[in-house]
Amino acid sequence: MRIVFFSSKPYDREYFTAANGKHGHELIFLEPRLALETAVLAAEALAICAFVNDRLDAPVLKRLAEGGTRYILLRSAGYNHIDRSAAKTYGLKVAYVPRYSPHAVAEHTVALILSLNRNIHRAYARVREGNFSIDGLLGFDLHGRTVGLVGLGRIGMLVGGIMRGFGCEVRAYDPVVSSLPESAGIKLAPFSEVMGRSDIISLHCPLTEQTRHLIGAATLEQCRRGVMLINTSRGALIDTPAAIAALKSGQLGSLGIDVYEDEAELFYEDYSSRIIKDDVLSRLISFPNVLITAHQGFFTREALTTIAETTLASATGFAAGGSVTDELVLR
C-alpha cells in the first residue's frame, strides 16, 4: 500500500522505515503539513499518515477521498483534529495509536514539575553566562505537597504514582472513574476540591467540547495562590490569556506546558531566525516562571518505535480488507 506521510521529520523516516521491513508498504515522506492546499500531494495514495497539527476537517477529507485515499492513519493518540462525521460520510477508515508510551508523557510531566520548582531552566542559562548566583532560584520540597490530577487514564495514574514516590499527597478528579484500589494511593475528589487544595495541578484529560478552556479565569480563582499548573495533554484545555492574567497577578505561581492551543503553525518548526507573530505565545515565553516545551512529551525511542509499528500494522490490516485493533469509531 502506498502511504503518504504529512508533517514528516527525519525521525519519522528513520523509525517508520525500520518498522516497514516486515510490512513492505511504499512510504512517501513529505515535510508540508496536511491542509486543503497540500491534500493533492496524496493523489492516488490509498492511505495518508497525519500528525497532531495536520488539518483533517471536512474539506480536506473530501479532497483526500476524491483523490483516491481510503485510509487515514493518525500517528498520535489524540484524534480531536479529525472530523469523524466527515470521515464516515466520505467512506474513510481511520486508525490511531491509543497506546504508545504513557511512561514517556508521564515522565516528561514530572520533568516539567522538577524543572519549574527548582528553576533548572534558569540556572542552566545563568551558568552558561558565568553567573553562579542562586538568588531567585528558590524552590520548595515536593515532600508533603498536594498534587492534583485532572484525568486518571494511564498517564495520569503513572504521574500519580511517581509523585507519591516523592512523598506527595495525590488527589484526582475524573468523571468516569468512580473508585480506585487502596493500593493506588490516590484520593478521588470533586473537581473543585482538586483545584482548591492542590499545590501542583497536572492535566491529563482529552480535549472535548466540555473540557475546552477547562482552566480559565474562574477556575484559576478557585486555586491556591501560587499554584503550579502543568499541561501535557491538549493546549486548548487552558484559556491562555486567562493564564497570563493569573501569572501577572501571582495567582498562578508557575506554568509548565508541552502543548499550546495555537501551536499548529509553530511547534515542530525552527523559528530561531524568524519573528514569532503569535503575541500570546511571545508573552508566555517572557515569563521567568513559565517553561514551554514544543510537544515533545511523547518523544522517546520506545514511543517512536511503538507508534511506527502500530501505525503500519493498522495499514496492513486495512490493506488485507479487515478491521484493525486501533480503528477509530466514526460517528
C-alpha atoms as a PDB file:
ATOM      1  CA  MET A   1       0.000   0.000   0.000  1.00  0.00           C
ATOM      2  CA  ARG A   2       1.214   3.488  -0.816  1.00  0.00           C
ATOM      3  CA  ILE A   3       1.200   5.698   2.281  1.00  0.00           C
ATOM      4  CA  VAL A   4       1.883   9.434   2.115  1.00  0.00           C
ATOM      5  CA  PHE A   5       3.202  10.967   5.335  1.00  0.00           C
ATOM      6  CA  PHE A   6       2.486  14.629   6.047  1.00  0.00           C
ATOM      7  CA  SER A   7       4.415  16.777   8.564  1.00  0.00           C
ATOM      8  CA  SER A   8       7.219  14.236   8.448  1.00  0.00           C
ATOM      9  CA  LYS A   9      10.558  14.768  10.154  1.00  0.00           C
ATOM     10  CA  PRO A  10      13.847  12.835   9.947  1.00  0.00           C
ATOM     11  CA  TYR A  11      12.884  10.723  12.956  1.00  0.00           C
ATOM     12  CA  ASP A  12       9.607   9.699  11.264  1.00  0.00           C
ATOM     13  CA  ARG A  13      11.543   8.468   8.252  1.00  0.00           C
ATOM     14  CA  GLU A  14      14.005   6.572  10.465  1.00  0.00           C
ATOM     15  CA  TYR A  15      11.509   4.774  12.678  1.00  0.00           C
ATOM     16  CA  PHE A  16       8.838   4.082  10.054  1.00  0.00           C
ATOM     17  CA  THR A  17      11.400   2.812   7.554  1.00  0.00           C
ATOM     18  CA  ALA A  18      12.772   0.416  10.171  1.00  0.00           C
ATOM     19  CA  ALA A  19       9.298  -0.813  11.135  1.00  0.00           C
ATOM     20  CA  ASN A  20       8.267  -1.233   7.479  1.00  0.00           C
ATOM     21  CA  GLY A  21      10.718  -4.083   6.981  1.00  0.00           C
ATOM     22  CA  LYS A  22       8.047  -6.633   7.866  1.00  0.00           C
ATOM     23  CA  HIS A  23       5.184  -4.870   6.074  1.00  0.00           C
ATOM     24  CA  GLY A  24       6.544  -3.789   2.702  1.00  0.00           C
ATOM     25  CA  HIS A  25       4.417  -0.680   2.192  1.00  0.00           C
ATOM     26  CA  GLU A  26       5.520   2.140  -0.103  1.00  0.00           C
ATOM     27  CA  LEU A  27       6.245   5.064   2.205  1.00  0.00           C
ATOM     28  CA  ILE A  28       6.316   8.632   0.867  1.00  0.00           C
ATOM     29  CA  PHE A  29       7.563  11.221   3.380  1.00  0.00           C
ATOM     30  CA  LEU A  30       6.503  14.850   2.865  1.00  0.00           C
ATOM     31  CA  GLU A  31       7.506  17.803   5.034  1.00  0.00           C
ATOM     32  CA  PRO A  32       4.430  20.033   4.459  1.00  0.00           C
ATOM     33  CA  ARG A  33       1.526  19.883   6.865  1.00  0.00           C
ATOM     34  CA  LEU A  34      -1.714  18.447   5.560  1.00  0.00           C
ATOM     35  CA  ALA A  35      -4.133  21.199   4.557  1.00  0.00           C
ATOM     36  CA  LEU A  36      -6.588  21.853   1.761  1.00  0.00           C
ATOM     37  CA  GLU A  37      -3.774  23.166  -0.428  1.00  0.00           C
ATOM     38  CA  THR A  38      -1.464  20.183   0.149  1.00  0.00           C
ATOM     39  CA  ALA A  39      -4.019  17.357   0.097  1.00  0.00           C
ATOM     40  CA  VAL A  40      -3.422  16.995  -3.649  1.00  0.00           C
ATOM     41  CA  LEU A  41       0.037  15.591  -2.811  1.00  0.00           C
ATOM     42  CA  ALA A  42      -1.704  12.409  -1.649  1.00  0.00           C
ATOM     43  CA  ALA A  43      -3.387  11.783  -5.013  1.00  0.00           C
ATOM     44  CA  GLU A  44      -3.640   8.054  -5.822  1.00  0.00           C
ATOM     45  CA  ALA A  45      -2.306   7.038  -2.406  1.00  0.00           C
ATOM     46  CA  LEU A  46      -4.626   4.619  -0.631  1.00  0.00           C
ATOM     47  CA  ALA A  47      -3.516   5.902   2.769  1.00  0.00           C
ATOM     48  CA  ILE A  48      -2.155   9.044   4.336  1.00  0.00           C
ATOM     49  CA  CYS A  49      -0.437   9.321   7.701  1.00  0.00           C
ATOM     50  CA  ALA A  50      -1.095  12.514   9.667  1.00  0.00           C
ATOM     51  CA  PHE A  51       0.198  14.045  12.877  1.00  0.00           C
ATOM     52  CA  VAL A  52      -1.382  16.248  15.534  1.00  0.00           C
ATOM     53  CA  ASN A  53      -1.106  19.586  13.724  1.00  0.00           C
ATOM     54  CA  ASP A  54      -2.351  18.389  10.342  1.00  0.00           C
ATOM     55  CA  ARG A  55      -5.787  19.553   9.211  1.00  0.00           C
ATOM     56  CA  LEU A  56      -8.364  16.842   8.860  1.00  0.00           C
ATOM     57  CA  ASP A  57     -11.570  18.838   8.589  1.00  0.00           C
ATOM     58  CA  ALA A  58     -14.400  18.106   6.149  1.00  0.00           C
ATOM     59  CA  PRO A  59     -12.970  19.974   3.110  1.00  0.00           C
ATOM     60  CA  VAL A  60      -9.587  18.260   3.473  1.00  0.00           C
ATOM     61  CA  LEU A  61     -11.153  14.821   3.921  1.00  0.00           C
ATOM     62  CA  LYS A  62     -13.376  15.381   0.893  1.00  0.00           C
ATOM     63  CA  ARG A  63     -10.382  16.279  -1.242  1.00  0.00           C
ATOM     64  CA  LEU A  64      -8.434  13.261   0.004  1.00  0.00           C
ATOM     65  CA  ALA A  65     -11.342  10.933  -0.780  1.00  0.00           C
ATOM     66  CA  GLU A  66     -11.720  12.424  -4.254  1.00  0.00           C
ATOM     67  CA  GLY A  67      -8.013  11.749  -4.841  1.00  0.00           C
ATOM     68  CA  GLY A  68      -8.361   8.071  -4.033  1.00  0.00           C
ATOM     69  CA  THR A  69      -7.435   7.964  -0.348  1.00  0.00           C
ATOM     70  CA  ARG A  70      -9.374   5.401   1.660  1.00  0.00           C
ATOM     71  CA  TYR A  71      -7.454   5.179   4.928  1.00  0.00           C
ATOM     72  CA  ILE A  72      -6.360   7.828   7.435  1.00  0.00           C
ATOM     73  CA  LEU A  73      -3.560   6.749   9.766  1.00  0.00           C
ATOM     74  CA  LEU A  74      -3.073   9.025  12.776  1.00  0.00           C
ATOM     75  CA  ARG A  75       0.358   8.592  14.324  1.00  0.00           C
ATOM     76  CA  SER A  76      -0.917  10.013  17.608  1.00  0.00           C
ATOM     77  CA  ALA A  77      -3.182   9.138  20.489  1.00  0.00           C
ATOM     78  CA  GLY A  78      -5.236  12.309  20.097  1.00  0.00           C
ATOM     79  CA  TYR A  79      -7.882  12.497  17.397  1.00  0.00           C
ATOM     80  CA  ASN A  80      -9.720  15.730  18.154  1.00  0.00           C
ATOM     81  CA  HIS A  81      -8.253  17.236  14.952  1.00  0.00           C
ATOM     82  CA  ILE A  82     -10.201  14.901  12.648  1.00  0.00           C
ATOM     83  CA  ASP A  83     -13.843  15.417  11.672  1.00  0.00           C
ATOM     84  CA  ARG A  84     -15.075  11.902  12.346  1.00  0.00           C
ATOM     85  CA  SER A  85     -18.505  12.585  10.909  1.00  0.00           C
ATOM     86  CA  ALA A  86     -16.994  13.777   7.628  1.00  0.00           C
ATOM     87  CA  ALA A  87     -14.658  10.778   7.528  1.00  0.00           C
ATOM     88  CA  LYS A  88     -17.696   8.498   7.768  1.00  0.00           C
ATOM     89  CA  THR A  89     -19.536  10.482   5.097  1.00  0.00           C
ATOM     90  CA  TYR A  90     -16.658  10.103   2.645  1.00  0.00           C
ATOM     91  CA  GLY A  91     -16.168   6.411   3.369  1.00  0.00           C
ATOM     92  CA  LEU A  92     -12.784   6.778   5.029  1.00  0.00           C
ATOM     93  CA  LYS A  93     -11.456   4.405   7.662  1.00  0.00           C
ATOM     94  CA  VAL A  94      -9.349   5.850  10.455  1.00  0.00           C
ATOM     95  CA  ALA A  95      -6.799   4.282  12.785  1.00  0.00           C
ATOM     96  CA  TYR A  96      -4.841   5.892  15.624  1.00  0.00           C
ATOM     97  CA  VAL A  97      -2.268   4.952  18.268  1.00  0.00           C
ATOM     98  CA  PRO A  98      -4.013   4.944  21.652  1.00  0.00           C
ATOM     99  CA  ARG A  99      -1.110   3.225  23.405  1.00  0.00           C
ATOM    100  CA  TYR A 100       2.469   4.138  22.597  1.00  0.00           C
ATOM    101  CA  SER A 101       4.291   5.001  25.814  1.00  0.00           C
ATOM    102  CA  PRO A 102       2.326   6.521  28.657  1.00  0.00           C
ATOM    103  CA  HIS A 103       5.593   6.445  30.596  1.00  0.00           C
ATOM    104  CA  ALA A 104       7.115   8.927  28.131  1.00  0.00           C
ATOM    105  CA  VAL A 105       4.454  11.584  28.734  1.00  0.00           C
ATOM    106  CA  ALA A 106       4.230  10.898  32.474  1.00  0.00           C
ATOM    107  CA  GLU A 107       7.983  11.249  32.910  1.00  0.00           C
ATOM    108  CA  HIS A 108       8.020  14.452  30.861  1.00  0.00           C
ATOM    109  CA  THR A 109       5.265  15.816  33.092  1.00  0.00           C
ATOM    110  CA  VAL A 110       7.383  15.202  36.156  1.00  0.00           C
ATOM    111  CA  ALA A 111      10.424  16.697  34.415  1.00  0.00           C
ATOM    112  CA  LEU A 112       8.450  19.929  33.941  1.00  0.00           C
ATOM    113  CA  ILE A 113       7.428  19.920  37.606  1.00  0.00           C
ATOM    114  CA  LEU A 114      11.001  19.418  38.838  1.00  0.00           C
ATOM    115  CA  SER A 115      12.497  21.938  36.422  1.00  0.00           C
ATOM    116  CA  LEU A 116       9.953  24.635  37.261  1.00  0.00           C
ATOM    117  CA  ASN A 117      10.140  24.087  41.003  1.00  0.00           C
ATOM    118  CA  ARG A 118      13.936  24.196  41.182  1.00  0.00           C
ATOM    119  CA  ASN A 119      14.342  26.706  38.332  1.00  0.00           C
ATOM    120  CA  ILE A 120      16.616  24.361  36.391  1.00  0.00           C
ATOM    121  CA  HIS A 121      15.909  26.169  33.107  1.00  0.00           C
ATOM    122  CA  ARG A 122      17.000  29.494  34.595  1.00  0.00           C
ATOM    123  CA  ALA A 123      20.012  28.035  36.405  1.00  0.00           C
ATOM    124  CA  TYR A 124      21.234  26.436  33.175  1.00  0.00           C
ATOM    125  CA  ALA A 125      21.050  29.746  31.318  1.00  0.00           C
ATOM    126  CA  ARG A 126      22.833  31.608  34.155  1.00  0.00           C
ATOM    127  CA  VAL A 127      25.740  29.208  34.431  1.00  0.00           C
ATOM    128  CA  ARG A 128      26.341  29.318  30.678  1.00  0.00           C
ATOM    129  CA  GLU A 129      26.798  33.073  31.056  1.00  0.00           C
ATOM    130  CA  GLY A 130      29.168  32.671  34.003  1.00  0.00           C
ATOM    131  CA  ASN A 131      26.543  33.692  36.554  1.00  0.00           C
ATOM    132  CA  PHE A 132      26.717  31.364  39.551  1.00  0.00           C
ATOM    133  CA  SER A 133      24.321  33.297  41.780  1.00  0.00           C
ATOM    134  CA  ILE A 134      21.383  31.316  43.157  1.00  0.00           C
ATOM    135  CA  ASP A 135      19.292  34.336  44.133  1.00  0.00           C
ATOM    136  CA  GLY A 136      15.793  33.955  42.697  1.00  0.00           C
ATOM    137  CA  LEU A 137      16.093  30.205  42.182  1.00  0.00           C
ATOM    138  CA  LEU A 138      14.381  29.190  45.436  1.00  0.00           C
ATOM    139  CA  GLY A 139      12.113  26.146  45.202  1.00  0.00           C
ATOM    140  CA  PHE A 140      10.126  24.065  47.674  1.00  0.00           C
ATOM    141  CA  ASP A 141      10.203  20.491  48.950  1.00  0.00           C
ATOM    142  CA  LEU A 142       7.843  18.281  46.985  1.00  0.00           C
ATOM    143  CA  HIS A 143       7.573  16.007  50.007  1.00  0.00           C
ATOM    144  CA  GLY A 144       4.312  16.700  51.807  1.00  0.00           C
ATOM    145  CA  ARG A 145       2.802  18.781  48.994  1.00  0.00           C
ATOM    146  CA  THR A 146      -0.544  18.044  47.377  1.00  0.00           C
ATOM    147  CA  VAL A 147      -0.658  17.180  43.695  1.00  0.00           C
ATOM    148  CA  GLY A 148      -3.975  17.391  41.896  1.00  0.00           C
ATOM    149  CA  LEU A 149      -4.603  15.367  38.747  1.00  0.00           C
ATOM    150  CA  VAL A 150      -7.376  16.147  36.288  1.00  0.00           C
ATOM    151  CA  GLY A 151      -7.853  12.914  34.384  1.00  0.00           C
ATOM    152  CA  LEU A 152      -6.917   9.406  35.508  1.00  0.00           C
ATOM    153  CA  GLY A 153      -6.074   7.498  32.383  1.00  0.00           C
ATOM    154  CA  ARG A 154      -2.831   5.583  32.034  1.00  0.00           C
ATOM    155  CA  ILE A 155      -0.711   8.740  32.037  1.00  0.00           C
ATOM    156  CA  GLY A 156      -2.499  10.326  34.977  1.00  0.00           C
ATOM    157  CA  MET A 157      -2.131   7.164  37.034  1.00  0.00           C
ATOM    158  CA  LEU A 158       1.587   6.975  36.262  1.00  0.00           C
ATOM    159  CA  VAL A 159       2.124  10.612  37.224  1.00  0.00           C
ATOM    160  CA  GLY A 160       0.256   9.961  40.458  1.00  0.00           C
ATOM    161  CA  GLY A 161       2.490   7.012  41.250  1.00  0.00           C
ATOM    162  CA  ILE A 162       5.678   8.955  40.565  1.00  0.00           C
ATOM    163  CA  MET A 163       4.570  11.910  42.685  1.00  0.00           C
ATOM    164  CA  ARG A 164       3.639   9.590  45.538  1.00  0.00           C
ATOM    165  CA  GLY A 165       7.239   8.402  45.355  1.00  0.00           C
ATOM    166  CA  PHE A 166       8.303  11.961  46.192  1.00  0.00           C
ATOM    167  CA  GLY A 167       6.098  11.846  49.274  1.00  0.00           C
ATOM    168  CA  CYS A 168       3.255  13.902  47.826  1.00  0.00           C
ATOM    169  CA  GLU A 169      -0.424  13.526  48.631  1.00  0.00           C
ATOM    170  CA  VAL A 170      -2.248  12.906  45.344  1.00  0.00           C
ATOM    171  CA  ARG A 171      -5.864  13.869  44.705  1.00  0.00           C
ATOM    172  CA  ALA A 172      -7.591  13.332  41.385  1.00  0.00           C
ATOM    173  CA  TYR A 173     -10.744  14.150  39.503  1.00  0.00           C
ATOM    174  CA  ASP A 174     -12.060  12.044  36.648  1.00  0.00           C
ATOM    175  CA  PRO A 175     -15.796  11.962  35.855  1.00  0.00           C
ATOM    176  CA  VAL A 176     -15.651   8.379  34.575  1.00  0.00           C
ATOM    177  CA  VAL A 177     -13.638   6.901  37.460  1.00  0.00           C
ATOM    178  CA  SER A 178     -15.793   6.035  40.454  1.00  0.00           C
ATOM    179  CA  SER A 179     -13.322   4.067  42.547  1.00  0.00           C
ATOM    180  CA  LEU A 180      -9.662   3.146  42.851  1.00  0.00           C
ATOM    181  CA  PRO A 181      -7.912   0.341  44.726  1.00  0.00           C
ATOM    182  CA  GLU A 182      -6.446   1.435  48.035  1.00  0.00           C
ATOM    183  CA  SER A 183      -3.028   0.406  46.749  1.00  0.00           C
ATOM    184  CA  ALA A 184      -3.150   3.225  44.177  1.00  0.00           C
ATOM    185  CA  GLY A 185      -2.714   5.742  46.986  1.00  0.00           C
ATOM    186  CA  ILE A 186      -4.708   8.355  45.065  1.00  0.00           C
ATOM    187  CA  LYS A 187      -7.757  10.027  46.583  1.00  0.00           C
ATOM    188  CA  LEU A 188     -10.661  10.733  44.261  1.00  0.00           C
ATOM    189  CA  ALA A 189     -12.180  14.153  44.864  1.00  0.00           C
ATOM    190  CA  PRO A 190     -14.558  16.627  43.209  1.00  0.00           C
ATOM    191  CA  PHE A 191     -13.055  18.964  40.636  1.00  0.00           C
ATOM    192  CA  SER A 192     -13.440  21.990  42.920  1.00  0.00           C
ATOM    193  CA  GLU A 193     -11.544  20.224  45.702  1.00  0.00           C
ATOM    194  CA  VAL A 194      -8.711  19.160  43.404  1.00  0.00           C
ATOM    195  CA  MET A 195      -8.386  22.729  42.153  1.00  0.00           C
ATOM    196  CA  GLY A 196      -8.696  24.350  45.577  1.00  0.00           C
ATOM    197  CA  ARG A 197      -6.413  22.141  47.647  1.00  0.00           C
ATOM    198  CA  SER A 198      -3.524  21.373  45.313  1.00  0.00           C
ATOM    199  CA  ASP A 199      -0.068  22.919  45.260  1.00  0.00           C
ATOM    200  CA  ILE A 200       0.532  21.419  41.810  1.00  0.00           C
ATOM    201  CA  ILE A 201      -2.181  20.699  39.232  1.00  0.00           C
ATOM    202  CA  SER A 202      -1.471  18.473  36.227  1.00  0.00           C
ATOM    203  CA  LEU A 203      -3.890  17.998  33.322  1.00  0.00           C
ATOM    204  CA  HIS A 204      -4.331  14.544  31.784  1.00  0.00           C
ATOM    205  CA  CYS A 205      -7.700  14.652  30.057  1.00  0.00           C
ATOM    206  CA  PRO A 206      -8.792  14.636  26.406  1.00  0.00           C
ATOM    207  CA  LEU A 207      -9.940  17.745  24.588  1.00  0.00           C
ATOM    208  CA  THR A 208     -13.712  17.775  24.121  1.00  0.00           C
ATOM    209  CA  GLU A 209     -16.344  20.481  23.959  1.00  0.00           C
ATOM    210  CA  GLN A 210     -16.770  20.004  27.704  1.00  0.00           C
ATOM    211  CA  THR A 211     -13.075  20.344  28.531  1.00  0.00           C
ATOM    212  CA  ARG A 212     -12.159  23.175  26.142  1.00  0.00           C
ATOM    213  CA  HIS A 213     -10.819  26.029  28.312  1.00  0.00           C
ATOM    214  CA  LEU A 214     -11.455  23.931  31.400  1.00  0.00           C
ATOM    215  CA  ILE A 215      -8.801  26.052  33.052  1.00  0.00           C
ATOM    216  CA  GLY A 216      -9.941  29.645  32.752  1.00  0.00           C
ATOM    217  CA  ALA A 217     -10.265  32.760  34.894  1.00  0.00           C
ATOM    218  CA  ALA A 218     -12.977  31.346  37.174  1.00  0.00           C
ATOM    219  CA  THR A 219     -11.168  28.032  37.616  1.00  0.00           C
ATOM    220  CA  LEU A 220      -7.863  29.674  38.420  1.00  0.00           C
ATOM    221  CA  GLU A 221      -9.540  31.816  41.072  1.00  0.00           C
ATOM    222  CA  GLN A 222     -10.506  28.601  42.879  1.00  0.00           C
ATOM    223  CA  CYS A 223      -6.857  27.587  43.183  1.00  0.00           C
ATOM    224  CA  ARG A 224      -4.411  28.249  45.964  1.00  0.00           C
ATOM    225  CA  ARG A 225      -2.437  31.392  45.313  1.00  0.00           C
ATOM    226  CA  GLY A 226       0.885  30.491  43.723  1.00  0.00           C
ATOM    227  CA  VAL A 227      -0.255  27.119  42.370  1.00  0.00           C
ATOM    228  CA  MET A 228       1.860  25.350  39.741  1.00  0.00           C
ATOM    229  CA  LEU A 229      -0.062  24.287  36.611  1.00  0.00           C
ATOM    230  CA  ILE A 230       1.193  21.628  34.192  1.00  0.00           C
ATOM    231  CA  ASN A 231      -0.345  20.651  30.855  1.00  0.00           C
ATOM    232  CA  THR A 232       0.984  17.789  28.745  1.00  0.00           C
ATOM    233  CA  SER A 233      -2.401  16.854  27.251  1.00  0.00           C
ATOM    234  CA  ARG A 234      -4.004  19.309  24.818  1.00  0.00           C
ATOM    235  CA  GLY A 235      -3.323  23.023  24.550  1.00  0.00           C
ATOM    236  CA  ALA A 236      -6.941  24.156  24.432  1.00  0.00           C
ATOM    237  CA  LEU A 237      -7.606  22.792  27.925  1.00  0.00           C
ATOM    238  CA  ILE A 238      -6.180  26.132  29.104  1.00  0.00           C
ATOM    239  CA  ASP A 239      -7.539  29.576  28.277  1.00  0.00           C
ATOM    240  CA  THR A 240      -4.107  31.067  27.673  1.00  0.00           C
ATOM    241  CA  PRO A 241      -4.984  34.780  28.115  1.00  0.00           C
ATOM    242  CA  ALA A 242      -6.596  33.879  31.457  1.00  0.00           C
ATOM    243  CA  ALA A 243      -3.418  32.020  32.465  1.00  0.00           C
ATOM    244  CA  ILE A 244      -1.324  35.065  31.533  1.00  0.00           C
ATOM    245  CA  ALA A 245      -3.531  37.292  33.680  1.00  0.00           C
ATOM    246  CA  ALA A 246      -3.158  34.843  36.575  1.00  0.00           C
ATOM    247  CA  LEU A 247       0.623  34.795  36.131  1.00  0.00           C
ATOM    248  CA  LYS A 248       0.735  38.586  36.212  1.00  0.00           C
ATOM    249  CA  SER A 249      -1.333  38.745  39.398  1.00  0.00           C
ATOM    250  CA  GLY A 250       0.620  35.967  41.115  1.00  0.00           C
ATOM    251  CA  GLN A 251      -2.439  33.731  41.444  1.00  0.00           C
ATOM    252  CA  LEU A 252      -0.656  31.288  39.150  1.00  0.00           C
ATOM    253  CA  GLY A 253       2.810  30.740  40.554  1.00  0.00           C
ATOM    254  CA  SER A 254       4.280  28.854  37.604  1.00  0.00           C
ATOM    255  CA  LEU A 255       3.192  27.218  34.379  1.00  0.00           C
ATOM    256  CA  GLY A 256       4.695  24.278  32.522  1.00  0.00           C
ATOM    257  CA  ILE A 257       3.223  23.325  29.144  1.00  0.00           C
ATOM    258  CA  ASP A 258       4.171  20.880  26.436  1.00  0.00           C
ATOM    259  CA  VAL A 259       1.137  21.861  24.363  1.00  0.00           C
ATOM    260  CA  TYR A 260      -0.332  25.191  23.274  1.00  0.00           C
ATOM    261  CA  GLU A 261      -3.749  25.991  21.849  1.00  0.00           C
ATOM    262  CA  ASP A 262      -2.391  27.675  18.712  1.00  0.00           C
ATOM    263  CA  GLU A 263       0.707  25.539  18.290  1.00  0.00           C
ATOM    264  CA  ALA A 264      -0.068  24.249  14.798  1.00  0.00           C
ATOM    265  CA  GLU A 265       1.837  26.948  12.910  1.00  0.00           C
ATOM    266  CA  LEU A 266       4.819  26.929  15.285  1.00  0.00           C
ATOM    267  CA  PHE A 267       5.611  23.668  17.017  1.00  0.00           C
ATOM    268  CA  TYR A 268       7.998  21.285  15.243  1.00  0.00           C
ATOM    269  CA  GLU A 269       9.399  24.185  13.194  1.00  0.00           C
ATOM    270  CA  ASP A 270      12.579  26.269  13.628  1.00  0.00           C
ATOM    271  CA  TYR A 271      11.736  29.930  14.228  1.00  0.00           C
ATOM    272  CA  SER A 272      15.106  30.872  15.721  1.00  0.00           C
ATOM    273  CA  SER A 273      15.871  33.325  12.915  1.00  0.00           C
ATOM    274  CA  ARG A 274      12.313  34.449  12.250  1.00  0.00           C
ATOM    275  CA  ILE A 275       9.816  36.663  14.024  1.00  0.00           C
ATOM    276  CA  ILE A 276       7.212  34.827  16.092  1.00  0.00           C
ATOM    277  CA  LYS A 277       3.969  36.591  15.234  1.00  0.00           C
ATOM    278  CA  ASP A 278       1.933  34.946  17.975  1.00  0.00           C
ATOM    279  CA  ASP A 279       1.805  37.682  20.631  1.00  0.00           C
ATOM    280  CA  VAL A 280       0.204  35.398  23.221  1.00  0.00           C
ATOM    281  CA  LEU A 281       2.959  32.805  22.977  1.00  0.00           C
ATOM    282  CA  SER A 282       5.614  35.534  22.954  1.00  0.00           C
ATOM    283  CA  ARG A 283       4.167  36.907  26.189  1.00  0.00           C
ATOM    284  CA  LEU A 284       4.231  33.464  27.761  1.00  0.00           C
ATOM    285  CA  ILE A 285       7.866  32.952  26.770  1.00  0.00           C
ATOM    286  CA  SER A 286       8.775  36.227  28.506  1.00  0.00           C
ATOM    287  CA  PHE A 287       7.804  34.966  31.984  1.00  0.00           C
ATOM    288  CA  PRO A 288      10.667  33.514  34.047  1.00  0.00           C
ATOM    289  CA  ASN A 289       8.239  31.175  35.806  1.00  0.00           C
ATOM    290  CA  VAL A 290       6.907  29.641  32.585  1.00  0.00           C
ATOM    291  CA  LEU A 291       8.526  26.593  30.984  1.00  0.00           C
ATOM    292  CA  ILE A 292       7.431  25.619  27.476  1.00  0.00           C
ATOM    293  CA  THR A 293       8.457  22.553  25.508  1.00  0.00           C
ATOM    294  CA  ALA A 294       7.269  22.051  21.938  1.00  0.00           C
ATOM    295  CA  HIS A 295       5.014  18.985  22.230  1.00  0.00           C
ATOM    296  CA  GLN A 296       7.873  16.587  22.911  1.00  0.00           C
ATOM    297  CA  GLY A 297       6.325  14.651  25.779  1.00  0.00           C
ATOM    298  CA  PHE A 298       5.905  11.584  23.555  1.00  0.00           C
ATOM    299  CA  PHE A 299       9.426  11.835  22.149  1.00  0.00           C
ATOM    300  CA  THR A 300      11.298   8.740  23.319  1.00  0.00           C
ATOM    301  CA  ARG A 301      12.838   5.873  21.359  1.00  0.00           C
ATOM    302  CA  GLU A 302      10.321   3.456  22.826  1.00  0.00           C
ATOM    303  CA  ALA A 303       7.345   5.634  21.910  1.00  0.00           C
ATOM    304  CA  LEU A 304       8.526   6.247  18.341  1.00  0.00           C
ATOM    305  CA  THR A 305       9.085   2.534  17.849  1.00  0.00           C
ATOM    306  CA  THR A 306       5.591   1.689  19.076  1.00  0.00           C
ATOM    307  CA  ILE A 307       3.965   4.474  17.048  1.00  0.00           C
ATOM    308  CA  ALA A 308       5.600   3.232  13.846  1.00  0.00           C
ATOM    309  CA  GLU A 309       4.847  -0.434  14.476  1.00  0.00           C
ATOM    310  CA  THR A 310       1.229   0.189  15.490  1.00  0.00           C
ATOM    311  CA  THR A 311       0.517   2.530  12.583  1.00  0.00           C
ATOM    312  CA  LEU A 312       1.946   0.201   9.954  1.00  0.00           C
ATOM    313  CA  ALA A 313       0.168  -2.800  11.488  1.00  0.00           C
ATOM    314  CA  SER A 314      -3.086  -0.882  11.045  1.00  0.00           C
ATOM    315  CA  ALA A 315      -2.173  -0.146   7.421  1.00  0.00           C
ATOM    316  CA  THR A 316      -1.501  -3.834   6.805  1.00  0.00           C
ATOM    317  CA  GLY A 317      -4.819  -4.764   8.384  1.00  0.00           C
ATOM    318  CA  PHE A 318      -6.686  -2.268   6.237  1.00  0.00           C
ATOM    319  CA  ALA A 319      -4.891  -3.487   3.120  1.00  0.00           C
ATOM    320  CA  ALA A 320      -5.996  -7.046   3.887  1.00  0.00           C
ATOM    321  CA  GLY A 321      -9.599  -5.864   3.932  1.00  0.00           C
ATOM    322  CA  GLY A 322     -10.234  -6.478   7.589  1.00  0.00           C
ATOM    323  CA  SER A 323     -10.827  -4.381  10.674  1.00  0.00           C
ATOM    324  CA  VAL A 324      -7.889  -3.304  12.794  1.00  0.00           C
ATOM    325  CA  THR A 325      -7.349  -3.241  16.531  1.00  0.00           C
ATOM    326  CA  ASP A 326      -6.889   0.508  16.735  1.00  0.00           C
ATOM    327  CA  GLU A 327      -9.559   1.582  14.263  1.00  0.00           C
ATOM    328  CA  LEU A 328     -11.332   4.744  15.358  1.00  0.00           C
ATOM    329  CA  VAL A 329     -15.098   4.510  15.729  1.00  0.00           C
ATOM    330  CA  LEU A 330     -16.659   7.094  13.429  1.00  0.00           C
ATOM    331  CA  ARG A 331     -19.892   8.911  14.121  1.00  0.00           C
END
